[in-house]
C-alpha atoms as a PDB file:
ATOM      1  CA  UNK A   1    -108.253 -88.105-314.811  1.00  0.00           C
ATOM      2  CA  UNK A   2    -110.089 -84.787-314.472  1.00  0.00           C
ATOM      3  CA  UNK A   3    -108.393 -82.392-312.188  1.00  0.00           C
ATOM      4  CA  UNK A   4    -110.539 -79.440-311.019  1.00  0.00           C
ATOM      5  CA  UNK A   5    -109.003 -76.003-311.260  1.00  0.00           C
ATOM      6  CA  UNK A   6    -108.626 -74.349-307.961  1.00  0.00           C
ATOM      7  CA  UNK A   7    -110.582 -71.094-307.816  1.00  0.00           C
ATOM      8  CA  UNK A   8    -110.419 -68.325-305.083  1.00  0.00           C
ATOM      9  CA  UNK A   9    -108.364 -68.175-301.935  1.00  0.00           C
ATOM     10  CA  UNK A  10    -108.154 -70.552-299.012  1.00  0.00           C
ATOM     11  CA  UNK A  11    -109.178 -69.411-295.591  1.00  0.00           C
ATOM     12  CA  UNK A  12    -105.515 -69.430-294.390  1.00  0.00           C
ATOM     13  CA  UNK A  13    -104.480 -67.171-297.111  1.00  0.00           C
ATOM     14  CA  UNK A  14    -107.251 -64.673-296.266  1.00  0.00           C
ATOM     15  CA  UNK A  15    -106.293 -64.662-292.660  1.00  0.00           C
ATOM     16  CA  UNK A  16    -102.570 -64.036-293.452  1.00  0.00           C
ATOM     17  CA  UNK A  17    -103.536 -61.038-295.649  1.00  0.00           C
ATOM     18  CA  UNK A  18    -105.928 -59.684-292.947  1.00  0.00           C
ATOM     19  CA  UNK A  19    -103.127 -60.039-290.293  1.00  0.00           C
ATOM     20  CA  UNK A  20    -100.675 -58.182-292.509  1.00  0.00           C
ATOM     21  CA  UNK A  21    -103.180 -55.415-293.197  1.00  0.00           C
ATOM     22  CA  UNK A  22    -103.925 -55.029-289.556  1.00  0.00           C
ATOM     23  CA  UNK A  23    -100.174 -54.729-288.662  1.00  0.00           C
ATOM     24  CA  UNK A  24     -99.662 -52.054-291.279  1.00  0.00           C
ATOM     25  CA  UNK A  25    -102.677 -50.118-290.052  1.00  0.00           C
ATOM     26  CA  UNK A  26    -101.422 -50.406-286.490  1.00  0.00           C
ATOM     27  CA  UNK A  27     -98.012 -49.067-287.408  1.00  0.00           C
ATOM     28  CA  UNK A  28     -98.879 -46.317-290.007  1.00  0.00           C
ATOM     29  CA  UNK A  29    -102.226 -45.189-288.589  1.00  0.00           C
ATOM     30  CA  UNK A  30    -101.015 -43.390-285.487  1.00  0.00           C
ATOM     31  CA  UNK A  31     -98.247 -41.549-287.347  1.00  0.00           C
ATOM     32  CA  UNK A  32    -100.852 -40.226-289.879  1.00  0.00           C
ATOM     33  CA  UNK A  33    -103.093 -39.028-286.980  1.00  0.00           C
ATOM     34  CA  UNK A  34    -100.173 -37.224-285.380  1.00  0.00           C
ATOM     35  CA  UNK A  35     -99.645 -35.301-288.640  1.00  0.00           C
ATOM     36  CA  UNK A  36    -103.205 -34.219-288.679  1.00  0.00           C
ATOM     37  CA  UNK A  37    -102.777 -32.826-285.264  1.00  0.00           C
ATOM     38  CA  UNK A  38     -99.659 -30.789-286.141  1.00  0.00           C
ATOM     39  CA  UNK A  39    -101.375 -29.586-289.324  1.00  0.00           C
ATOM     40  CA  UNK A  40    -104.209 -28.042-287.172  1.00  0.00           C
ATOM     41  CA  UNK A  41    -101.695 -26.184-285.082  1.00  0.00           C
ATOM     42  CA  UNK A  42     -99.977 -24.860-288.195  1.00  0.00           C
ATOM     43  CA  UNK A  43    -103.404 -23.747-289.532  1.00  0.00           C
ATOM     44  CA  UNK A  44    -104.117 -21.936-286.294  1.00  0.00           C
ATOM     45  CA  UNK A  45    -100.705 -20.145-286.495  1.00  0.00           C
ATOM     46  CA  UNK A  46    -101.380 -19.056-290.050  1.00  0.00           C
ATOM     47  CA  UNK A  47    -104.812 -17.901-289.127  1.00  0.00           C
ATOM     48  CA  UNK A  48    -103.488 -15.850-286.235  1.00  0.00           C
ATOM     49  CA  UNK A  49    -101.022 -14.227-288.523  1.00  0.00           C
ATOM     50  CA  UNK A  50    -103.846 -13.268-290.940  1.00  0.00           C
ATOM     51  CA  UNK A  51    -105.970 -11.888-288.136  1.00  0.00           C
ATOM     52  CA  UNK A  52    -102.972  -9.978-286.668  1.00  0.00           C
ATOM     53  CA  UNK A  53    -102.233  -8.408-290.032  1.00  0.00           C
ATOM     54  CA  UNK A  54    -105.945  -7.356-290.200  1.00  0.00           C
ATOM     55  CA  UNK A  55    -105.725  -5.880-286.690  1.00  0.00           C
ATOM     56  CA  UNK A  56    -102.655  -3.879-287.695  1.00  0.00           C
ATOM     57  CA  UNK A  57    -104.448  -2.531-290.724  1.00  0.00           C
ATOM     58  CA  UNK A  58    -107.413  -1.622-288.428  1.00  0.00           C
ATOM     59  CA  UNK A  59    -105.025   0.250-286.184  1.00  0.00           C
ATOM     60  CA  UNK A  60    -103.542   2.256-289.123  1.00  0.00           C
ATOM     61  CA  UNK A  61    -107.108   3.327-290.020  1.00  0.00           C
ATOM     62  CA  UNK A  62    -108.595   3.939-286.537  1.00  0.00           C
ATOM     63  CA  UNK A  63    -105.578   4.925-284.529  1.00  0.00           C
ATOM     64  CA  UNK A  64    -105.903   2.073-281.966  1.00  0.00           C
ATOM     65  CA  UNK A  65    -106.759  -1.621-281.779  1.00  0.00           C
ATOM     66  CA  UNK A  66    -110.332  -2.631-280.996  1.00  0.00           C
ATOM     67  CA  UNK A  67    -111.147  -2.831-277.405  1.00  0.00           C
ATOM     68  CA  UNK A  68    -111.615  -6.204-275.601  1.00  0.00           C
ATOM     69  CA  UNK A  69    -115.279  -5.694-275.838  1.00  0.00           C
ATOM     70  CA  UNK A  70    -115.379  -4.934-279.441  1.00  0.00           C
ATOM     71  CA  UNK A  71    -113.188  -7.945-280.069  1.00  0.00           C
ATOM     72  CA  UNK A  72    -112.345  -9.294-283.498  1.00  0.00           C
ATOM     73  CA  UNK A  73    -115.915  -8.445-284.695  1.00  0.00           C
ATOM     74  CA  UNK A  74    -114.583  -4.916-285.175  1.00  0.00           C
ATOM     75  CA  UNK A  75    -112.672  -6.157-288.095  1.00  0.00           C
ATOM     76  CA  UNK A  76    -116.010  -7.187-289.864  1.00  0.00           C
ATOM     77  CA  UNK A  77    -118.438  -4.474-288.572  1.00  0.00           C
ATOM     78  CA  UNK A  78    -117.944  -0.756-287.940  1.00  0.00           C
ATOM     79  CA  UNK A  79    -117.866  -0.373-284.185  1.00  0.00           C
ATOM     80  CA  UNK A  80    -119.723   2.862-283.346  1.00  0.00           C
ATOM     81  CA  UNK A  81    -120.126   4.004-286.891  1.00  0.00           C
ATOM     82  CA  UNK A  82    -116.732   5.517-287.181  1.00  0.00           C
ATOM     83  CA  UNK A  83    -115.963   7.630-290.228  1.00  0.00           C
ATOM     84  CA  UNK A  84    -112.268   6.393-290.110  1.00  0.00           C
ATOM     85  CA  UNK A  85    -113.288   2.693-290.324  1.00  0.00           C
ATOM     86  CA  UNK A  86    -112.324   1.314-293.733  1.00  0.00           C
ATOM     87  CA  UNK A  87    -113.296  -2.298-293.406  1.00  0.00           C
ATOM     88  CA  UNK A  88    -114.169  -5.032-293.568  1.00  0.00           C
ATOM     89  CA  UNK A  89    -110.599  -6.045-292.972  1.00  0.00           C
ATOM     90  CA  UNK A  90    -111.034  -9.692-293.787  1.00  0.00           C
ATOM     91  CA  UNK A  91    -112.066 -11.000-297.156  1.00  0.00           C
ATOM     92  CA  UNK A  92    -114.276 -13.774-295.563  1.00  0.00           C
ATOM     93  CA  UNK A  93    -116.162 -14.248-292.346  1.00  0.00           C
ATOM     94  CA  UNK A  94    -114.221 -14.221-289.067  1.00  0.00           C
ATOM     95  CA  UNK A  95    -112.781 -17.787-288.835  1.00  0.00           C
ATOM     96  CA  UNK A  96    -112.990 -20.180-286.057  1.00  0.00           C
ATOM     97  CA  UNK A  97    -109.767 -21.944-284.837  1.00  0.00           C
ATOM     98  CA  UNK A  98    -109.239 -25.530-286.298  1.00  0.00           C
ATOM     99  CA  UNK A  99    -111.062 -27.048-283.265  1.00  0.00           C
ATOM    100  CA  UNK A 100    -114.265 -24.856-283.973  1.00  0.00           C
ATOM    101  CA  UNK A 101    -113.721 -22.435-281.145  1.00  0.00           C
ATOM    102  CA  UNK A 102    -113.490 -18.622-281.496  1.00  0.00           C
ATOM    103  CA  UNK A 103    -110.014 -17.087-281.209  1.00  0.00           C
ATOM    104  CA  UNK A 104    -109.297 -15.317-277.936  1.00  0.00           C
ATOM    105  CA  UNK A 105    -108.535 -11.506-278.278  1.00  0.00           C
ATOM    106  CA  UNK A 106    -107.752  -8.959-275.461  1.00  0.00           C
ATOM    107  CA  UNK A 107    -106.524  -5.515-275.604  1.00  0.00           C
ATOM    108  CA  UNK A 108    -103.480  -5.174-273.230  1.00  0.00           C
ATOM    109  CA  UNK A 109    -102.897  -2.088-271.111  1.00  0.00           C
ATOM    110  CA  UNK A 110     -99.794  -1.259-273.248  1.00  0.00           C
ATOM    111  CA  UNK A 111    -102.148  -0.943-276.253  1.00  0.00           C
ATOM    112  CA  UNK A 112    -100.889  -4.105-277.792  1.00  0.00           C
ATOM    113  CA  UNK A 113    -103.182  -7.121-278.198  1.00  0.00           C
ATOM    114  CA  UNK A 114    -103.342 -10.779-277.101  1.00  0.00           C
ATOM    115  CA  UNK A 115    -104.547 -13.149-279.846  1.00  0.00           C
ATOM    116  CA  UNK A 116    -104.446 -16.860-279.453  1.00  0.00           C
ATOM    117  CA  UNK A 117    -106.235 -20.188-279.276  1.00  0.00           C
ATOM    118  CA  UNK A 118    -106.129 -22.738-276.420  1.00  0.00           C
ATOM    119  CA  UNK A 119    -105.786 -25.749-278.658  1.00  0.00           C
ATOM    120  CA  UNK A 120    -107.803 -28.894-278.881  1.00  0.00           C
ATOM    121  CA  UNK A 121    -108.430 -29.173-275.194  1.00  0.00           C
ATOM    122  CA  UNK A 122    -109.436 -25.583-274.912  1.00  0.00           C
ATOM    123  CA  UNK A 123    -107.509 -25.317-271.639  1.00  0.00           C
ATOM    124  CA  UNK A 124    -104.396 -23.167-270.809  1.00  0.00           C
ATOM    125  CA  UNK A 125    -101.026 -24.946-271.539  1.00  0.00           C
ATOM    126  CA  UNK A 126    -100.769 -28.329-273.063  1.00  0.00           C
ATOM    127  CA  UNK A 127     -98.497 -30.111-275.520  1.00  0.00           C
ATOM    128  CA  UNK A 128     -98.967 -31.269-279.162  1.00  0.00           C
ATOM    129  CA  UNK A 129    -102.351 -30.513-280.424  1.00  0.00           C
ATOM    130  CA  UNK A 130    -103.417 -29.259-276.931  1.00  0.00           C
ATOM    131  CA  UNK A 131    -100.826 -26.518-276.927  1.00  0.00           C
ATOM    132  CA  UNK A 132    -101.661 -22.834-276.949  1.00  0.00           C
ATOM    133  CA  UNK A 133    -101.042 -21.058-280.215  1.00  0.00           C
ATOM    134  CA  UNK A 134    -100.532 -17.228-280.530  1.00  0.00           C
ATOM    135  CA  UNK A 135     -99.463 -14.240-278.484  1.00  0.00           C
ATOM    136  CA  UNK A 136    -100.837 -13.934-275.014  1.00  0.00           C
END
């Protein structure tokens, strides 16, 4: 008798493997996406620290922080052609937040500054990836 060798997989075997892969993706996928969101929040915090440091260096040179109107652009371009300006104060271009929005900067009445991002939803408040990051 000639027995033929079985080659390949049966339909049932393929379906079982697909079900197992789907279950794993359903369990692991959401946890990975949560990590991406928290990573963006951490990147925003690190960028705010970098910008804060540049603003403090600007203040040492100019005697004050940039006005709200001058904004963070004063770190890259000399506002008013001041002789005391010793910039640019950032090695690269002014960064956007991880959600591709500009950082919010305001000079407060007590001559301190507010520097923050509103998170993924670009709205005040929120939790997780939608939370505000920085100092208001």
